[in-house]
Amino acid sequence: MVLNIIMPRRVFNLERDVRRTNRIVDKIRADKTYAQNFYAALCNNRYQPQDVFGILSNIIWDCTWSYSALIVSDIREDDSYHHWYCSGTGFTDRDFFGFVEESYVTEEIETDIKDIGWLLLTRRFFD
């Protein structure tokens, strides 16, 4: 007798993992600077799951500036992703202290992403 076992395929998706992590969702909703930094960290960066299968299969997750803005605006339940696109320059009532360029990953964001099982593959900016 041959036993056919069908293993479900594991799907790696950083966006899904972020949305399922209450700690990160709460930080994005509560703090505009953290939200902007998170948006910037997603922009055109490549992340890989900290998982043997994910690494051996060379699974990569990345997104555009526009999609990154959509993710943050949706989590914050904002009216428009334009508030986040291009480093949140749509905010007129805010100084931009703490905001960073697209693709820049702050230590806090990198730690939070690493804590949910993802690695930043290439650091584009160095302090």
N, C-alpha and C. Protein backbone atom coordinates (compact mmCIF):
# COMPACT_ATOMS: atom_id res chain seq x y z
N MET A 1 0.84 -1.18 0.00
CA MET A 1 0.00 0.00 0.00
C MET A 1 0.88 1.24 0.00
N VAL A 2 0.60 2.13 -0.92
CA VAL A 2 1.35 3.38 -1.02
C VAL A 2 0.50 4.48 -0.40
N LEU A 3 1.11 5.17 0.50
CA LEU A 3 0.41 6.25 1.18
C LEU A 3 0.83 7.58 0.55
N ASN A 4 -0.11 8.23 -0.04
CA ASN A 4 0.17 9.54 -0.62
C ASN A 4 -0.18 10.62 0.40
N ILE A 5 0.83 11.30 0.81
CA ILE A 5 0.61 12.40 1.75
C ILE A 5 0.84 13.70 1.00
N ILE A 6 -0.16 14.49 1.02
CA ILE A 6 -0.05 15.79 0.36
C ILE A 6 0.21 16.83 1.43
N MET A 7 1.39 17.42 1.34
CA MET A 7 1.74 18.48 2.28
C MET A 7 1.26 19.81 1.73
N PRO A 8 0.64 20.58 2.55
CA PRO A 8 0.24 21.90 2.05
C PRO A 8 1.49 22.74 1.76
N ARG A 9 1.43 23.49 0.71
CA ARG A 9 2.54 24.35 0.32
C ARG A 9 2.58 25.54 1.27
N ARG A 10 3.74 25.81 1.80
CA ARG A 10 3.88 26.97 2.69
C ARG A 10 4.04 28.21 1.83
N VAL A 11 3.26 29.21 2.12
CA VAL A 11 3.31 30.46 1.37
C VAL A 11 3.97 31.50 2.26
N PHE A 12 5.01 32.10 1.74
CA PHE A 12 5.72 33.14 2.47
C PHE A 12 5.26 34.50 1.95
N ASN A 13 4.81 35.36 2.87
CA ASN A 13 4.31 36.66 2.47
C ASN A 13 4.53 37.63 3.63
N LEU A 14 5.46 38.55 3.46
CA LEU A 14 5.78 39.50 4.52
C LEU A 14 4.57 40.37 4.87
N GLU A 15 3.85 40.82 3.87
CA GLU A 15 2.67 41.65 4.13
C GLU A 15 1.68 40.92 5.04
N ARG A 16 1.38 39.68 4.73
CA ARG A 16 0.44 38.90 5.54
C ARG A 16 0.97 38.75 6.97
N ASP A 17 2.27 38.50 7.11
CA ASP A 17 2.85 38.33 8.44
C ASP A 17 2.79 39.62 9.24
N VAL A 18 3.01 40.75 8.59
CA VAL A 18 2.91 42.05 9.27
C VAL A 18 1.48 42.29 9.74
N ARG A 19 0.52 42.06 8.85
CA ARG A 19 -0.89 42.29 9.20
C ARG A 19 -1.36 41.37 10.33
N ARG A 20 -0.73 40.23 10.51
CA ARG A 20 -1.11 39.29 11.57
C ARG A 20 -0.37 39.55 12.88
N THR A 21 0.52 40.53 12.89
CA THR A 21 1.31 40.82 14.08
C THR A 21 0.76 42.08 14.74
N ASN A 22 -0.03 41.88 15.78
CA ASN A 22 -0.71 43.00 16.44
C ASN A 22 0.26 44.07 16.92
N ARG A 23 1.42 43.68 17.41
CA ARG A 23 2.39 44.64 17.94
C ARG A 23 2.82 45.62 16.84
N ILE A 24 3.08 45.10 15.64
CA ILE A 24 3.50 45.98 14.54
C ILE A 24 2.32 46.80 14.02
N VAL A 25 1.17 46.18 13.86
CA VAL A 25 -0.02 46.90 13.41
C VAL A 25 -0.34 48.04 14.38
N ASP A 26 -0.27 47.78 15.67
CA ASP A 26 -0.55 48.82 16.66
C ASP A 26 0.45 49.98 16.56
N LYS A 27 1.72 49.66 16.33
CA LYS A 27 2.74 50.71 16.20
C LYS A 27 2.50 51.55 14.95
N ILE A 28 2.14 50.89 13.85
CA ILE A 28 1.86 51.62 12.60
C ILE A 28 0.67 52.54 12.79
N ARG A 29 -0.35 52.07 13.48
CA ARG A 29 -1.55 52.89 13.70
C ARG A 29 -1.32 54.04 14.67
N ALA A 30 -0.47 53.84 15.66
CA ALA A 30 -0.31 54.82 16.73
C ALA A 30 0.70 55.92 16.43
N ASP A 31 1.66 55.66 15.56
CA ASP A 31 2.78 56.58 15.41
C ASP A 31 3.06 56.84 13.93
N LYS A 32 2.84 58.10 13.49
CA LYS A 32 3.05 58.44 12.08
C LYS A 32 4.50 58.27 11.66
N THR A 33 5.44 58.58 12.55
CA THR A 33 6.85 58.43 12.20
C THR A 33 7.19 56.96 12.00
N TYR A 34 6.73 56.10 12.89
CA TYR A 34 6.96 54.66 12.73
C TYR A 34 6.31 54.18 11.43
N ALA A 35 5.10 54.63 11.16
CA ALA A 35 4.40 54.23 9.94
C ALA A 35 5.19 54.65 8.70
N GLN A 36 5.71 55.88 8.71
CA GLN A 36 6.49 56.34 7.56
C GLN A 36 7.77 55.54 7.45
N ASN A 37 8.42 55.27 8.56
CA ASN A 37 9.65 54.47 8.54
C ASN A 37 9.37 53.05 8.03
N PHE A 38 8.22 52.50 8.39
CA PHE A 38 7.85 51.17 7.92
C PHE A 38 7.60 51.19 6.42
N TYR A 39 6.88 52.22 5.97
CA TYR A 39 6.66 52.41 4.53
C TYR A 39 8.00 52.44 3.80
N ALA A 40 8.93 53.27 4.30
CA ALA A 40 10.24 53.41 3.65
C ALA A 40 11.00 52.09 3.62
N ALA A 41 10.91 51.32 4.70
CA ALA A 41 11.63 50.05 4.78
C ALA A 41 11.12 49.03 3.77
N LEU A 42 9.86 49.11 3.41
CA LEU A 42 9.31 48.18 2.43
C LEU A 42 9.65 48.57 1.00
N CYS A 43 9.88 49.86 0.77
CA CYS A 43 10.09 50.38 -0.59
C CYS A 43 11.33 49.79 -1.26
N ASN A 44 11.10 49.00 -2.31
CA ASN A 44 12.16 48.46 -3.15
C ASN A 44 13.24 47.69 -2.40
N ASN A 45 12.94 47.22 -1.21
CA ASN A 45 13.87 46.35 -0.50
C ASN A 45 13.45 44.90 -0.71
N ARG A 46 14.41 44.02 -0.55
CA ARG A 46 14.16 42.59 -0.72
C ARG A 46 14.31 41.91 0.63
N TYR A 47 13.30 41.13 0.98
CA TYR A 47 13.29 40.38 2.23
C TYR A 47 13.18 38.90 1.95
N GLN A 48 13.81 38.12 2.81
CA GLN A 48 13.76 36.67 2.67
C GLN A 48 13.33 36.06 3.99
N PRO A 49 12.48 35.04 3.95
CA PRO A 49 12.05 34.42 5.20
C PRO A 49 13.21 33.71 5.89
N GLN A 50 13.22 33.77 7.21
CA GLN A 50 14.22 33.05 8.00
C GLN A 50 13.74 31.62 8.17
N ASP A 51 13.77 30.89 7.10
CA ASP A 51 13.25 29.54 7.05
C ASP A 51 14.12 28.76 6.07
N VAL A 52 14.51 27.56 6.45
CA VAL A 52 15.41 26.77 5.60
C VAL A 52 14.83 26.61 4.20
N PHE A 53 13.57 26.23 4.10
CA PHE A 53 12.95 26.05 2.79
C PHE A 53 12.93 27.37 2.02
N GLY A 54 12.59 28.45 2.72
CA GLY A 54 12.54 29.75 2.07
C GLY A 54 13.89 30.19 1.54
N ILE A 55 14.94 29.92 2.31
CA ILE A 55 16.29 30.29 1.88
C ILE A 55 16.76 29.40 0.74
N LEU A 56 16.60 28.09 0.90
CA LEU A 56 17.04 27.16 -0.16
C LEU A 56 16.26 27.35 -1.45
N SER A 57 15.02 27.76 -1.34
CA SER A 57 14.18 27.99 -2.53
C SER A 57 14.38 29.40 -3.08
N ASN A 58 15.19 30.20 -2.37
CA ASN A 58 15.46 31.58 -2.76
C ASN A 58 14.17 32.40 -2.89
N ILE A 59 13.33 32.26 -1.90
CA ILE A 59 12.07 33.02 -1.88
C ILE A 59 12.37 34.45 -1.44
N ILE A 60 11.88 35.38 -2.22
CA ILE A 60 12.10 36.80 -1.98
C ILE A 60 10.75 37.50 -1.94
N TRP A 61 10.62 38.46 -1.03
CA TRP A 61 9.42 39.32 -0.99
C TRP A 61 9.90 40.75 -1.15
N ASP A 62 9.26 41.47 -2.05
CA ASP A 62 9.57 42.89 -2.22
C ASP A 62 8.32 43.61 -2.70
N CYS A 63 8.37 44.94 -2.65
CA CYS A 63 7.24 45.71 -3.18
C CYS A 63 7.69 47.10 -3.59
N THR A 64 6.86 47.74 -4.37
CA THR A 64 7.14 49.08 -4.89
C THR A 64 6.80 50.14 -3.85
N TRP A 65 7.17 51.36 -4.14
CA TRP A 65 6.82 52.48 -3.26
C TRP A 65 5.30 52.59 -3.14
N SER A 66 4.64 52.48 -4.27
CA SER A 66 3.19 52.62 -4.29
C SER A 66 2.52 51.53 -3.46
N TYR A 67 2.95 50.30 -3.63
CA TYR A 67 2.33 49.21 -2.87
C TYR A 67 2.64 49.31 -1.39
N SER A 68 3.85 49.74 -1.08
CA SER A 68 4.22 49.96 0.32
C SER A 68 3.30 51.01 0.96
N ALA A 69 3.03 52.09 0.22
CA ALA A 69 2.12 53.12 0.71
C ALA A 69 0.71 52.58 0.91
N LEU A 70 0.28 51.71 0.00
CA LEU A 70 -1.04 51.09 0.14
C LEU A 70 -1.13 50.22 1.39
N ILE A 71 -0.08 49.47 1.67
CA ILE A 71 -0.06 48.61 2.86
C ILE A 71 -0.20 49.46 4.12
N VAL A 72 0.62 50.50 4.23
CA VAL A 72 0.59 51.34 5.44
C VAL A 72 -0.74 52.08 5.56
N SER A 73 -1.24 52.64 4.47
CA SER A 73 -2.51 53.37 4.55
C SER A 73 -3.66 52.44 4.91
N ASP A 74 -3.62 51.22 4.40
CA ASP A 74 -4.67 50.26 4.72
C ASP A 74 -4.61 49.85 6.20
N ILE A 75 -3.43 49.60 6.71
CA ILE A 75 -3.29 49.24 8.12
C ILE A 75 -3.77 50.39 9.00
N ARG A 76 -3.42 51.62 8.63
CA ARG A 76 -3.82 52.79 9.41
C ARG A 76 -5.27 53.20 9.13
N GLU A 77 -5.88 52.58 8.13
CA GLU A 77 -7.24 52.91 7.71
C GLU A 77 -7.35 54.38 7.31
N ASP A 78 -6.32 54.84 6.58
CA ASP A 78 -6.29 56.20 6.05
C ASP A 78 -7.12 56.27 4.78
N ASP A 79 -7.52 57.47 4.40
CA ASP A 79 -8.30 57.65 3.20
C ASP A 79 -7.48 57.41 1.93
N SER A 80 -6.21 57.77 1.95
CA SER A 80 -5.44 57.73 0.72
C SER A 80 -4.00 57.27 0.97
N TYR A 81 -3.54 56.45 0.07
CA TYR A 81 -2.14 56.03 0.17
C TYR A 81 -1.20 57.18 -0.20
N HIS A 82 -1.71 58.23 -0.82
CA HIS A 82 -0.87 59.38 -1.20
C HIS A 82 -0.27 60.07 0.01
N HIS A 83 -0.88 59.90 1.18
CA HIS A 83 -0.30 60.47 2.39
C HIS A 83 1.03 59.82 2.73
N TRP A 84 1.26 58.61 2.26
CA TRP A 84 2.48 57.88 2.59
C TRP A 84 3.44 57.81 1.42
N TYR A 85 2.92 57.83 0.22
CA TYR A 85 3.76 57.73 -0.97
C TYR A 85 4.73 58.90 -1.01
N CYS A 86 5.97 58.64 -1.35
CA CYS A 86 7.04 59.66 -1.38
C CYS A 86 7.31 60.23 0.00
N SER A 87 7.54 59.37 0.95
CA SER A 87 7.93 59.71 2.32
C SER A 87 6.91 60.53 3.09
N GLY A 88 5.66 60.36 2.77
CA GLY A 88 4.64 61.03 3.55
C GLY A 88 4.61 62.53 3.38
N THR A 89 5.04 63.04 2.24
CA THR A 89 5.08 64.49 2.04
C THR A 89 3.69 65.10 1.91
N GLY A 90 2.64 64.28 1.91
CA GLY A 90 1.28 64.79 1.86
C GLY A 90 0.83 65.38 3.19
N PHE A 91 1.63 65.21 4.23
CA PHE A 91 1.26 65.77 5.53
C PHE A 91 1.67 67.24 5.58
N THR A 92 0.69 68.11 5.75
CA THR A 92 1.00 69.54 5.83
C THR A 92 1.05 70.02 7.28
N ASP A 93 0.52 69.22 8.20
CA ASP A 93 0.45 69.65 9.59
C ASP A 93 1.57 69.01 10.42
N ARG A 94 2.65 68.64 9.81
CA ARG A 94 3.66 67.86 10.52
C ARG A 94 5.04 68.29 10.10
N ASP A 95 5.93 68.41 11.09
CA ASP A 95 7.33 68.50 10.69
C ASP A 95 7.76 67.08 10.36
N PHE A 96 8.77 66.96 9.61
CA PHE A 96 9.15 65.64 9.10
C PHE A 96 10.30 65.03 9.90
N PHE A 97 10.47 65.47 11.14
CA PHE A 97 11.52 64.92 11.99
C PHE A 97 11.30 63.42 12.18
N GLY A 98 12.32 62.65 11.91
CA GLY A 98 12.23 61.20 12.07
C GLY A 98 11.86 60.47 10.80
N PHE A 99 11.40 61.19 9.77
CA PHE A 99 11.08 60.54 8.51
C PHE A 99 12.38 60.19 7.79
N VAL A 100 12.35 59.13 6.99
CA VAL A 100 13.54 58.68 6.29
C VAL A 100 13.24 58.47 4.81
N GLU A 101 14.31 58.36 4.01
CA GLU A 101 14.15 58.15 2.58
C GLU A 101 13.59 56.76 2.29
N GLU A 102 12.98 56.64 1.12
CA GLU A 102 12.53 55.33 0.67
C GLU A 102 13.71 54.38 0.59
N SER A 103 13.49 53.14 1.00
CA SER A 103 14.48 52.05 1.04
C SER A 103 15.39 52.11 2.27
N TYR A 104 15.32 53.20 3.05
CA TYR A 104 16.11 53.24 4.28
C TYR A 104 15.39 52.40 5.34
N VAL A 105 16.16 51.57 6.04
CA VAL A 105 15.58 50.70 7.06
C VAL A 105 16.17 51.08 8.41
N THR A 106 15.34 51.59 9.30
CA THR A 106 15.81 51.94 10.64
C THR A 106 16.05 50.65 11.44
N GLU A 107 16.84 50.78 12.50
CA GLU A 107 17.11 49.61 13.35
C GLU A 107 15.83 49.04 13.95
N GLU A 108 14.92 49.92 14.38
CA GLU A 108 13.67 49.46 14.98
C GLU A 108 12.84 48.65 14.00
N ILE A 109 12.72 49.14 12.79
CA ILE A 109 11.93 48.43 11.77
C ILE A 109 12.60 47.10 11.42
N GLU A 110 13.91 47.13 11.23
CA GLU A 110 14.62 45.89 10.90
C GLU A 110 14.45 44.85 11.99
N THR A 111 14.53 45.28 13.24
CA THR A 111 14.33 44.36 14.37
C THR A 111 12.92 43.79 14.37
N ASP A 112 11.92 44.65 14.16
CA ASP A 112 10.53 44.19 14.15
C ASP A 112 10.27 43.19 13.02
N ILE A 113 10.84 43.46 11.85
CA ILE A 113 10.66 42.55 10.73
C ILE A 113 11.40 41.24 10.98
N LYS A 114 12.58 41.35 11.56
CA LYS A 114 13.35 40.13 11.88
C LYS A 114 12.62 39.29 12.93
N ASP A 115 11.98 39.95 13.88
CA ASP A 115 11.25 39.24 14.94
C ASP A 115 10.09 38.41 14.41
N ILE A 116 9.55 38.79 13.24
CA ILE A 116 8.45 38.00 12.67
C ILE A 116 8.95 37.03 11.59
N GLY A 117 10.29 36.87 11.52
CA GLY A 117 10.85 35.82 10.68
C GLY A 117 11.32 36.22 9.30
N TRP A 118 11.70 37.47 9.11
CA TRP A 118 12.15 37.93 7.80
C TRP A 118 13.49 38.64 7.92
N LEU A 119 14.33 38.49 6.89
CA LEU A 119 15.64 39.13 6.84
C LEU A 119 15.73 40.12 5.70
N LEU A 120 16.31 41.28 5.98
CA LEU A 120 16.61 42.25 4.93
C LEU A 120 17.82 41.73 4.17
N LEU A 121 17.70 41.56 2.86
CA LEU A 121 18.80 40.96 2.09
C LEU A 121 19.93 41.93 1.79
N THR A 122 19.62 43.15 1.42
CA THR A 122 20.66 44.11 1.04
C THR A 122 20.40 45.43 1.74
N ARG A 123 21.39 45.92 2.45
CA ARG A 123 21.27 47.23 3.10
C ARG A 123 21.74 48.28 2.10
N ARG A 124 20.83 49.19 1.74
CA ARG A 124 21.15 50.22 0.75
C ARG A 124 21.80 51.45 1.35
N PHE A 125 21.54 51.70 2.62
CA PHE A 125 22.08 52.88 3.29
C PHE A 125 22.89 52.43 4.50
N PHE A 126 23.97 53.13 4.77
CA PHE A 126 24.77 52.84 5.96
C PHE A 126 24.92 54.14 6.74
N ASP A 127 24.75 54.04 8.05
CA ASP A 127 24.87 55.24 8.91
C ASP A 127 26.32 55.53 9.19
